[in-house]
PDB file of all heavy atoms in Angstrom:
ATOM      1  N   LEU A   1      27.808  -3.664  12.499  1.00  0.00           N
ATOM      2  CA  LEU A   1      26.350  -3.557  12.506  1.00  0.00           C
ATOM      3  C   LEU A   1      25.883  -2.373  11.666  1.00  0.00           C
ATOM      4  O   LEU A   1      24.825  -2.424  11.031  1.00  0.00           O
ATOM      5  CB  LEU A   1      25.835  -3.416  13.937  1.00  0.00           C
ATOM      6  CG  LEU A   1      25.791  -4.684  14.782  1.00  0.00           C
ATOM      7  CD1 LEU A   1      25.283  -4.369  16.170  1.00  0.00           C
ATOM      8  CD2 LEU A   1      24.913  -5.745  14.133  1.00  0.00           C
ATOM      9  N   GLN A   2      26.681  -1.308  11.657  1.00  0.00           N
ATOM     10  CA  GLN A   2      26.295  -0.133  10.878  1.00  0.00           C
ATOM     11  C   GLN A   2      26.458  -0.387   9.376  1.00  0.00           C
ATOM     12  O   GLN A   2      25.721   0.162   8.567  1.00  0.00           O
ATOM     13  CB  GLN A   2      27.122   1.077  11.321  1.00  0.00           C
ATOM     14  CG  GLN A   2      26.699   1.640  12.674  1.00  0.00           C
ATOM     15  CD  GLN A   2      26.935   0.668  13.815  1.00  0.00           C
ATOM     16  OE1 GLN A   2      28.008   0.089  13.930  1.00  0.00           O
ATOM     17  NE2 GLN A   2      25.935   0.477  14.650  1.00  0.00           N
ATOM     18  N   LEU A   3      27.432  -1.219   9.016  1.00  0.00           N
ATOM     19  CA  LEU A   3      27.533  -1.642   7.615  1.00  0.00           C
ATOM     20  C   LEU A   3      26.304  -2.459   7.227  1.00  0.00           C
ATOM     21  O   LEU A   3      25.758  -2.305   6.131  1.00  0.00           O
ATOM     22  CB  LEU A   3      28.803  -2.470   7.400  1.00  0.00           C
ATOM     23  CG  LEU A   3      30.126  -1.702   7.308  1.00  0.00           C
ATOM     24  CD1 LEU A   3      31.304  -2.674   7.303  1.00  0.00           C
ATOM     25  CD2 LEU A   3      30.145  -0.832   6.050  1.00  0.00           C
ATOM     26  N   ALA A   4      25.871  -3.330   8.160  1.00  0.00           N
ATOM     27  CA  ALA A   4      24.650  -4.092   7.924  1.00  0.00           C
ATOM     28  C   ALA A   4      23.445  -3.162   7.832  1.00  0.00           C
ATOM     29  O   ALA A   4      22.533  -3.390   7.026  1.00  0.00           O
ATOM     30  CB  ALA A   4      24.451  -5.115   9.034  1.00  0.00           C
ATOM     31  N   ALA A   5      23.437  -2.107   8.651  1.00  0.00           N
ATOM     32  CA  ALA A   5      22.344  -1.135   8.609  1.00  0.00           C
ATOM     33  C   ALA A   5      22.252  -0.498   7.230  1.00  0.00           C
ATOM     34  O   ALA A   5      21.158  -0.324   6.684  1.00  0.00           O
ATOM     35  CB  ALA A   5      22.545  -0.065   9.681  1.00  0.00           C
ATOM     36  N   PHE A   6      23.398  -0.135   6.669  1.00  0.00           N
ATOM     37  CA  PHE A   6      23.396   0.471   5.336  1.00  0.00           C
ATOM     38  C   PHE A   6      22.912  -0.528   4.280  1.00  0.00           C
ATOM     39  O   PHE A   6      22.119  -0.186   3.397  1.00  0.00           O
ATOM     40  CB  PHE A   6      24.790   0.969   4.980  1.00  0.00           C
ATOM     41  CG  PHE A   6      24.909   1.492   3.577  1.00  0.00           C
ATOM     42  CD1 PHE A   6      24.299   2.683   3.213  1.00  0.00           C
ATOM     43  CD2 PHE A   6      25.608   0.781   2.609  1.00  0.00           C
ATOM     44  CE1 PHE A   6      24.390   3.165   1.922  1.00  0.00           C
ATOM     45  CE2 PHE A   6      25.709   1.254   1.317  1.00  0.00           C
ATOM     46  CZ  PHE A   6      25.107   2.456   0.966  1.00  0.00           C
ATOM     47  N   ALA A   7      23.371  -1.792   4.388  1.00  0.00           N
ATOM     48  CA  ALA A   7      22.967  -2.814   3.419  1.00  0.00           C
ATOM     49  C   ALA A   7      21.463  -3.085   3.512  1.00  0.00           C
ATOM     50  O   ALA A   7      20.753  -3.098   2.488  1.00  0.00           O
ATOM     51  CB  ALA A   7      23.752  -4.101   3.651  1.00  0.00           C
ATOM     52  N   PHE A   8      20.958  -3.297   4.734  1.00  0.00           N
ATOM     53  CA  PHE A   8      19.532  -3.559   4.914  1.00  0.00           C
ATOM     54  C   PHE A   8      18.694  -2.350   4.503  1.00  0.00           C
ATOM     55  O   PHE A   8      17.615  -2.491   3.918  1.00  0.00           O
ATOM     56  CB  PHE A   8      19.229  -3.928   6.362  1.00  0.00           C
ATOM     57  CG  PHE A   8      19.735  -5.276   6.767  1.00  0.00           C
ATOM     58  CD1 PHE A   8      19.924  -5.596   8.103  1.00  0.00           C
ATOM     59  CD2 PHE A   8      20.038  -6.238   5.820  1.00  0.00           C
ATOM     60  CE1 PHE A   8      20.395  -6.838   8.476  1.00  0.00           C
ATOM     61  CE2 PHE A   8      20.518  -7.483   6.176  1.00  0.00           C
ATOM     62  CZ  PHE A   8      20.699  -7.788   7.506  1.00  0.00           C
ATOM     63  N   GLY A   9      19.192  -1.152   4.844  1.00  0.00           N
ATOM     64  CA  GLY A   9      18.463   0.056   4.475  1.00  0.00           C
ATOM     65  C   GLY A   9      18.363   0.230   2.972  1.00  0.00           C
ATOM     66  O   GLY A   9      17.319   0.636   2.447  1.00  0.00           O
ATOM     67  N   THR A  10      19.451  -0.085   2.273  1.00  0.00           N
ATOM     68  CA  THR A  10      19.437   0.033   0.814  1.00  0.00           C
ATOM     69  C   THR A  10      18.462  -0.959   0.196  1.00  0.00           C
ATOM     70  O   THR A  10      17.658  -0.601  -0.685  1.00  0.00           O
ATOM     71  CB  THR A  10      20.849  -0.219   0.243  1.00  0.00           C
ATOM     72  OG1 THR A  10      21.757   0.720   0.817  1.00  0.00           O
ATOM     73  CG2 THR A  10      20.856  -0.081  -1.264  1.00  0.00           C
ATOM     74  N   ILE A  11      18.497  -2.212   0.663  1.00  0.00           N
ATOM     75  CA  ILE A  11      17.570  -3.222   0.140  1.00  0.00           C
ATOM     76  C   ILE A  11      16.129  -2.856   0.473  1.00  0.00           C
ATOM     77  O   ILE A  11      15.228  -2.962  -0.366  1.00  0.00           O
ATOM     78  CB  ILE A  11      17.927  -4.610   0.691  1.00  0.00           C
ATOM     79  CG1 ILE A  11      19.325  -5.036   0.232  1.00  0.00           C
ATOM     80  CG2 ILE A  11      16.897  -5.654   0.244  1.00  0.00           C
ATOM     81  CD1 ILE A  11      19.828  -6.302   0.887  1.00  0.00           C
ATOM     82  N   GLY A  12      15.897  -2.415   1.726  1.00  0.00           N
ATOM     83  CA  GLY A  12      14.550  -2.014   2.121  1.00  0.00           C
ATOM     84  C   GLY A  12      14.032  -0.851   1.311  1.00  0.00           C
ATOM     85  O   GLY A  12      12.846  -0.815   0.936  1.00  0.00           O
ATOM     86  N   TRP A  13      14.908   0.101   1.006  1.00  0.00           N
ATOM     87  CA  TRP A  13      14.525   1.266   0.193  1.00  0.00           C
ATOM     88  C   TRP A  13      14.155   0.833  -1.228  1.00  0.00           C
ATOM     89  O   TRP A  13      13.163   1.309  -1.799  1.00  0.00           O
ATOM     90  CB  TRP A  13      15.674   2.256   0.177  1.00  0.00           C
ATOM     91  CG  TRP A  13      15.428   3.509  -0.598  1.00  0.00           C
ATOM     92  CD1 TRP A  13      14.630   4.563  -0.245  1.00  0.00           C
ATOM     93  CD2 TRP A  13      15.985   3.850  -1.868  1.00  0.00           C
ATOM     94  NE1 TRP A  13      14.657   5.540  -1.210  1.00  0.00           N
ATOM     95  CE2 TRP A  13      15.489   5.126  -2.225  1.00  0.00           C
ATOM     96  CE3 TRP A  13      16.862   3.212  -2.738  1.00  0.00           C
ATOM     97  CZ2 TRP A  13      15.826   5.757  -3.404  1.00  0.00           C
ATOM     98  CZ3 TRP A  13      17.215   3.846  -3.922  1.00  0.00           C
ATOM     99  CH2 TRP A  13      16.700   5.098  -4.252  1.00  0.00           C
ATOM    100  N   ILE A  14      14.937  -0.071  -1.797  1.00  0.00           N
ATOM    101  CA  ILE A  14      14.639  -0.579  -3.149  1.00  0.00           C
ATOM    102  C   ILE A  14      13.305  -1.322  -3.162  1.00  0.00           C
ATOM    103  O   ILE A  14      12.478  -1.143  -4.065  1.00  0.00           O
ATOM    104  CB  ILE A  14      15.782  -1.492  -3.638  1.00  0.00           C
ATOM    105  CG1 ILE A  14      17.056  -0.672  -3.864  1.00  0.00           C
ATOM    106  CG2 ILE A  14      15.386  -2.211  -4.933  1.00  0.00           C
ATOM    107  CD1 ILE A  14      18.284  -1.507  -4.173  1.00  0.00           C
ATOM    108  N   LEU A  15      13.067  -2.152  -2.138  1.00  0.00           N
ATOM    109  CA  LEU A  15      11.803  -2.889  -2.061  1.00  0.00           C
ATOM    110  C   LEU A  15      10.616  -1.937  -1.872  1.00  0.00           C
ATOM    111  O   LEU A  15       9.514  -2.207  -2.368  1.00  0.00           O
ATOM    112  CB  LEU A  15      11.854  -3.899  -0.916  1.00  0.00           C
ATOM    113  CG  LEU A  15      12.798  -5.087  -1.119  1.00  0.00           C
ATOM    114  CD1 LEU A  15      12.786  -5.987   0.105  1.00  0.00           C
ATOM    115  CD2 LEU A  15      12.414  -5.881  -2.361  1.00  0.00           C
ATOM    116  N   CYS A  16      10.840  -0.831  -1.167  1.00  0.00           N
ATOM    117  CA  CYS A  16       9.786   0.183  -1.024  1.00  0.00           C
ATOM    118  C   CYS A  16       9.386   0.740  -2.380  1.00  0.00           C
ATOM    119  O   CYS A  16       8.197   0.873  -2.683  1.00  0.00           O
ATOM    120  CB  CYS A  16      10.273   1.299  -0.096  1.00  0.00           C
ATOM    121  SG  CYS A  16       9.254   2.786  -0.092  1.00  0.00           S
ATOM    122  N   ILE A  17      10.373   1.052  -3.208  1.00  0.00           N
ATOM    123  CA  ILE A  17      10.095   1.581  -4.549  1.00  0.00           C
ATOM    124  C   ILE A  17       9.385   0.534  -5.397  1.00  0.00           C
ATOM    125  O   ILE A  17       8.436   0.844  -6.138  1.00  0.00           O
ATOM    126  CB  ILE A  17      11.400   2.030  -5.218  1.00  0.00           C
ATOM    127  CG1 ILE A  17      12.017   3.199  -4.444  1.00  0.00           C
ATOM    128  CG2 ILE A  17      11.156   2.433  -6.672  1.00  0.00           C
ATOM    129  CD1 ILE A  17      13.370   3.634  -4.950  1.00  0.00           C
ATOM    130  N   ILE A  18       9.836  -0.735  -5.289  1.00  0.00           N
ATOM    131  CA  ILE A  18       9.192  -1.810  -6.051  1.00  0.00           C
ATOM    132  C   ILE A  18       7.737  -1.970  -5.632  1.00  0.00           C
ATOM    133  O   ILE A  18       6.836  -2.080  -6.473  1.00  0.00           O
ATOM    134  CB  ILE A  18       9.959  -3.127  -5.858  1.00  0.00           C
ATOM    135  CG1 ILE A  18      11.342  -3.042  -6.513  1.00  0.00           C
ATOM    136  CG2 ILE A  18       9.181  -4.307  -6.440  1.00  0.00           C
ATOM    137  CD1 ILE A  18      12.224  -4.246  -6.252  1.00  0.00           C
ATOM    138  N   SER A  19       7.501  -1.982  -4.328  1.00  0.00           N
ATOM    139  CA  SER A  19       6.135  -2.124  -3.818  1.00  0.00           C
ATOM    140  C   SER A  19       5.248  -0.976  -4.285  1.00  0.00           C
ATOM    141  O   SER A  19       4.088  -1.179  -4.664  1.00  0.00           O
ATOM    142  CB  SER A  19       6.161  -2.180  -2.288  1.00  0.00           C
ATOM    143  OG  SER A  19       4.858  -2.239  -1.757  1.00  0.00           O
ATOM    144  N   MET A  20       5.796   0.233  -4.274  1.00  0.00           N
ATOM    145  CA  MET A  20       5.029   1.399  -4.698  1.00  0.00           C
ATOM    146  C   MET A  20       4.647   1.314  -6.176  1.00  0.00           C
ATOM    147  O   MET A  20       3.573   1.751  -6.580  1.00  0.00           O
ATOM    148  CB  MET A  20       5.848   2.669  -4.432  1.00  0.00           C
ATOM    149  CG  MET A  20       5.133   3.962  -4.781  1.00  0.00           C
ATOM    150  SD  MET A  20       6.037   5.412  -4.196  1.00  0.00           S
ATOM    151  CE  MET A  20       7.630   5.185  -4.966  1.00  0.00           C
ATOM    152  N   GLY A  21       5.526   0.737  -6.999  1.00  0.00           N
ATOM    153  CA  GLY A  21       5.263   0.676  -8.428  1.00  0.00           C
ATOM    154  C   GLY A  21       4.398  -0.483  -8.860  1.00  0.00           C
ATOM    155  O   GLY A  21       3.820  -0.460  -9.959  1.00  0.00           O
ATOM    156  N   LEU A  22       4.294  -1.527  -8.020  1.00  0.00           N
ATOM    157  CA  LEU A  22       3.490  -2.692  -8.393  1.00  0.00           C
ATOM    158  C   LEU A  22       1.999  -2.362  -8.363  1.00  0.00           C
ATOM    159  O   LEU A  22       1.532  -1.632  -7.484  1.00  0.00           O
ATOM    160  CB  LEU A  22       3.773  -3.851  -7.438  1.00  0.00           C
ATOM    161  CG  LEU A  22       5.129  -4.551  -7.575  1.00  0.00           C
ATOM    162  CD1 LEU A  22       5.302  -5.570  -6.459  1.00  0.00           C
ATOM    163  CD2 LEU A  22       5.250  -5.220  -8.929  1.00  0.00           C
ATOM    164  N   VAL A  23       1.263  -2.935  -9.302  1.00  0.00           N
ATOM    165  CA  VAL A  23      -0.188  -2.729  -9.331  1.00  0.00           C
ATOM    166  C   VAL A  23      -0.897  -3.813  -8.526  1.00  0.00           C
ATOM    167  O   VAL A  23      -2.078  -3.676  -8.190  1.00  0.00           O
ATOM    168  CB  VAL A  23      -0.709  -2.718 -10.790  1.00  0.00           C
ATOM    169  CG1 VAL A  23      -0.676  -4.109 -11.399  1.00  0.00           C
ATOM    170  CG2 VAL A  23      -2.121  -2.136 -10.865  1.00  0.00           C
ATOM    171  N   GLU A  24      -0.196  -4.892  -8.174  1.00  0.00           N
ATOM    172  CA  GLU A  24      -0.830  -6.019  -7.484  1.00  0.00           C
ATOM    173  C   GLU A  24      -0.867  -5.819  -5.974  1.00  0.00           C
ATOM    174  O   GLU A  24      -0.253  -6.573  -5.222  1.00  0.00           O
ATOM    175  CB  GLU A  24      -0.113  -7.330  -7.823  1.00  0.00           C
ATOM    176  CG  GLU A  24      -0.155  -7.731  -9.271  1.00  0.00           C
ATOM    177  CD  GLU A  24       1.032  -7.166 -10.045  1.00  0.00           C
ATOM    178  OE1 GLU A  24       1.811  -6.392  -9.438  1.00  0.00           O
ATOM    179  OE2 GLU A  24       1.169  -7.492 -11.231  1.00  0.00           O
ATOM    180  N   TRP A  25      -1.595  -4.801  -5.525  1.00  0.00           N
ATOM    181  CA  TRP A  25      -1.826  -4.644  -4.093  1.00  0.00           C
ATOM    182  C   TRP A  25      -3.000  -5.515  -3.664  1.00  0.00           C
ATOM    183  O   TRP A  25      -2.941  -6.182  -2.645  1.00  0.00           O
ATOM    184  CB  TRP A  25      -2.099  -3.173  -3.752  1.00  0.00           C
ATOM    185  CG  TRP A  25      -0.848  -2.363  -3.628  1.00  0.00           C
ATOM    186  CD1 TRP A  25       0.022  -2.032  -4.631  1.00  0.00           C
ATOM    187  CD2 TRP A  25      -0.292  -1.810  -2.432  1.00  0.00           C
ATOM    188  NE1 TRP A  25       1.064  -1.301  -4.146  1.00  0.00           N
ATOM    189  CE2 TRP A  25       0.899  -1.138  -2.799  1.00  0.00           C
ATOM    190  CE3 TRP A  25      -0.697  -1.798  -1.096  1.00  0.00           C
ATOM    191  CZ2 TRP A  25       1.697  -0.478  -1.858  1.00  0.00           C
ATOM    192  CZ3 TRP A  25       0.090  -1.132  -0.161  1.00  0.00           C
ATOM    193  CH2 TRP A  25       1.283  -0.487  -0.545  1.00  0.00           C
ATOM    194  N   ARG A  26      -4.052  -5.472  -4.442  1.00  0.00           N
ATOM    195  CA  ARG A  26      -5.216  -6.327  -4.187  1.00  0.00           C
ATOM    196  C   ARG A  26      -5.572  -7.044  -5.485  1.00  0.00           C
ATOM    197  O   ARG A  26      -5.598  -6.425  -6.554  1.00  0.00           O
ATOM    198  CB  ARG A  26      -6.423  -5.508  -3.722  1.00  0.00           C
ATOM    199  CG  ARG A  26      -6.144  -4.552  -2.569  1.00  0.00           C
ATOM    200  CD  ARG A  26      -7.437  -3.904  -2.119  1.00  0.00           C
ATOM    201  NE  ARG A  26      -7.192  -2.725  -1.293  1.00  0.00           N
ATOM    202  CZ  ARG A  26      -8.151  -1.999  -0.727  1.00  0.00           C
ATOM    203  NH1 ARG A  26      -9.417  -2.326  -0.914  1.00  0.00           N
ATOM    204  NH2 ARG A  26      -7.849  -0.929   0.005  1.00  0.00           N
ATOM    205  N   VAL A  27      -5.847  -8.308  -5.378  1.00  0.00           N
ATOM    206  CA  VAL A  27      -6.254  -9.099  -6.539  1.00  0.00           C
ATOM    207  C   VAL A  27      -7.741  -9.404  -6.400  1.00  0.00           C
ATOM    208  O   VAL A  27      -8.150 -10.104  -5.472  1.00  0.00           O
ATOM    209  CB  VAL A  27      -5.437 -10.409  -6.638  1.00  0.00           C
ATOM    210  CG1 VAL A  27      -5.873 -11.210  -7.873  1.00  0.00           C
ATOM    211  CG2 VAL A  27      -3.947 -10.102  -6.707  1.00  0.00           C
ATOM    212  N   TRP A  28      -8.541  -8.859  -7.318  1.00  0.00           N
ATOM    213  CA  TRP A  28      -9.985  -9.029  -7.293  1.00  0.00           C
ATOM    214  C   TRP A  28     -10.417 -10.108  -8.276  1.00  0.00           C
ATOM    215  O   TRP A  28      -9.993 -10.102  -9.433  1.00  0.00           O
ATOM    216  CB  TRP A  28     -10.681  -7.711  -7.658  1.00  0.00           C
ATOM    217  CG  TRP A  28     -10.803  -6.747  -6.520  1.00  0.00           C
ATOM    218  CD1 TRP A  28      -9.966  -6.613  -5.463  1.00  0.00           C
ATOM    219  CD2 TRP A  28     -11.834  -5.771  -6.337  1.00  0.00           C
ATOM    220  NE1 TRP A  28     -10.395  -5.606  -4.626  1.00  0.00           N
ATOM    221  CE2 TRP A  28     -11.532  -5.074  -5.138  1.00  0.00           C
ATOM    222  CE3 TRP A  28     -12.956  -5.399  -7.070  1.00  0.00           C
ATOM    223  CZ2 TRP A  28     -12.331  -4.044  -4.656  1.00  0.00           C
ATOM    224  CZ3 TRP A  28     -13.755  -4.367  -6.590  1.00  0.00           C
ATOM    225  CH2 TRP A  28     -13.459  -3.700  -5.390  1.00  0.00           C
ATOM    226  N   HIS A  29     -11.282 -10.997  -7.819  1.00  0.00           N
ATOM    227  CA  HIS A  29     -11.926 -11.975  -8.695  1.00  0.00           C
ATOM    228  C   HIS A  29     -13.374 -11.510  -8.900  1.00  0.00           C
ATOM    229  O   HIS A  29     -14.120 -11.348  -7.927  1.00  0.00           O
ATOM    230  CB  HIS A  29     -11.896 -13.366  -8.060  1.00  0.00           C
ATOM    231  CG  HIS A  29     -10.506 -13.877  -7.826  1.00  0.00           C
ATOM    232  ND1 HIS A  29      -9.823 -14.629  -8.755  1.00  0.00           N
ATOM    233  CD2 HIS A  29      -9.655 -13.726  -6.765  1.00  0.00           C
ATOM    234  CE1 HIS A  29      -8.625 -14.929  -8.290  1.00  0.00           C
ATOM    235  NE2 HIS A  29      -8.490 -14.390  -7.079  1.00  0.00           N
ATOM    236  N   VAL A  30     -13.742 -11.284 -10.142  1.00  0.00           N
ATOM    237  CA  VAL A  30     -15.046 -10.697 -10.448  1.00  0.00           C
ATOM    238  C   VAL A  30     -15.858 -11.625 -11.349  1.00  0.00           C
ATOM    239  O   VAL A  30     -15.318 -12.503 -12.036  1.00  0.00           O
ATOM    240  CB  VAL A  30     -14.877  -9.320 -11.124  1.00  0.00           C
ATOM    241  CG1 VAL A  30     -14.138  -8.365 -10.200  1.00  0.00           C
ATOM    242  CG2 VAL A  30     -14.148  -9.444 -12.446  1.00  0.00           C
TER     243      VAL A  30
END
């Protein structure tokens, strides 16, 4: 389970960085 914790934590950390860098948080139609 701790190996899984490291794997999930690494993927979650990478996705956090991706989310932070994306500009598409809100999509506005104007």
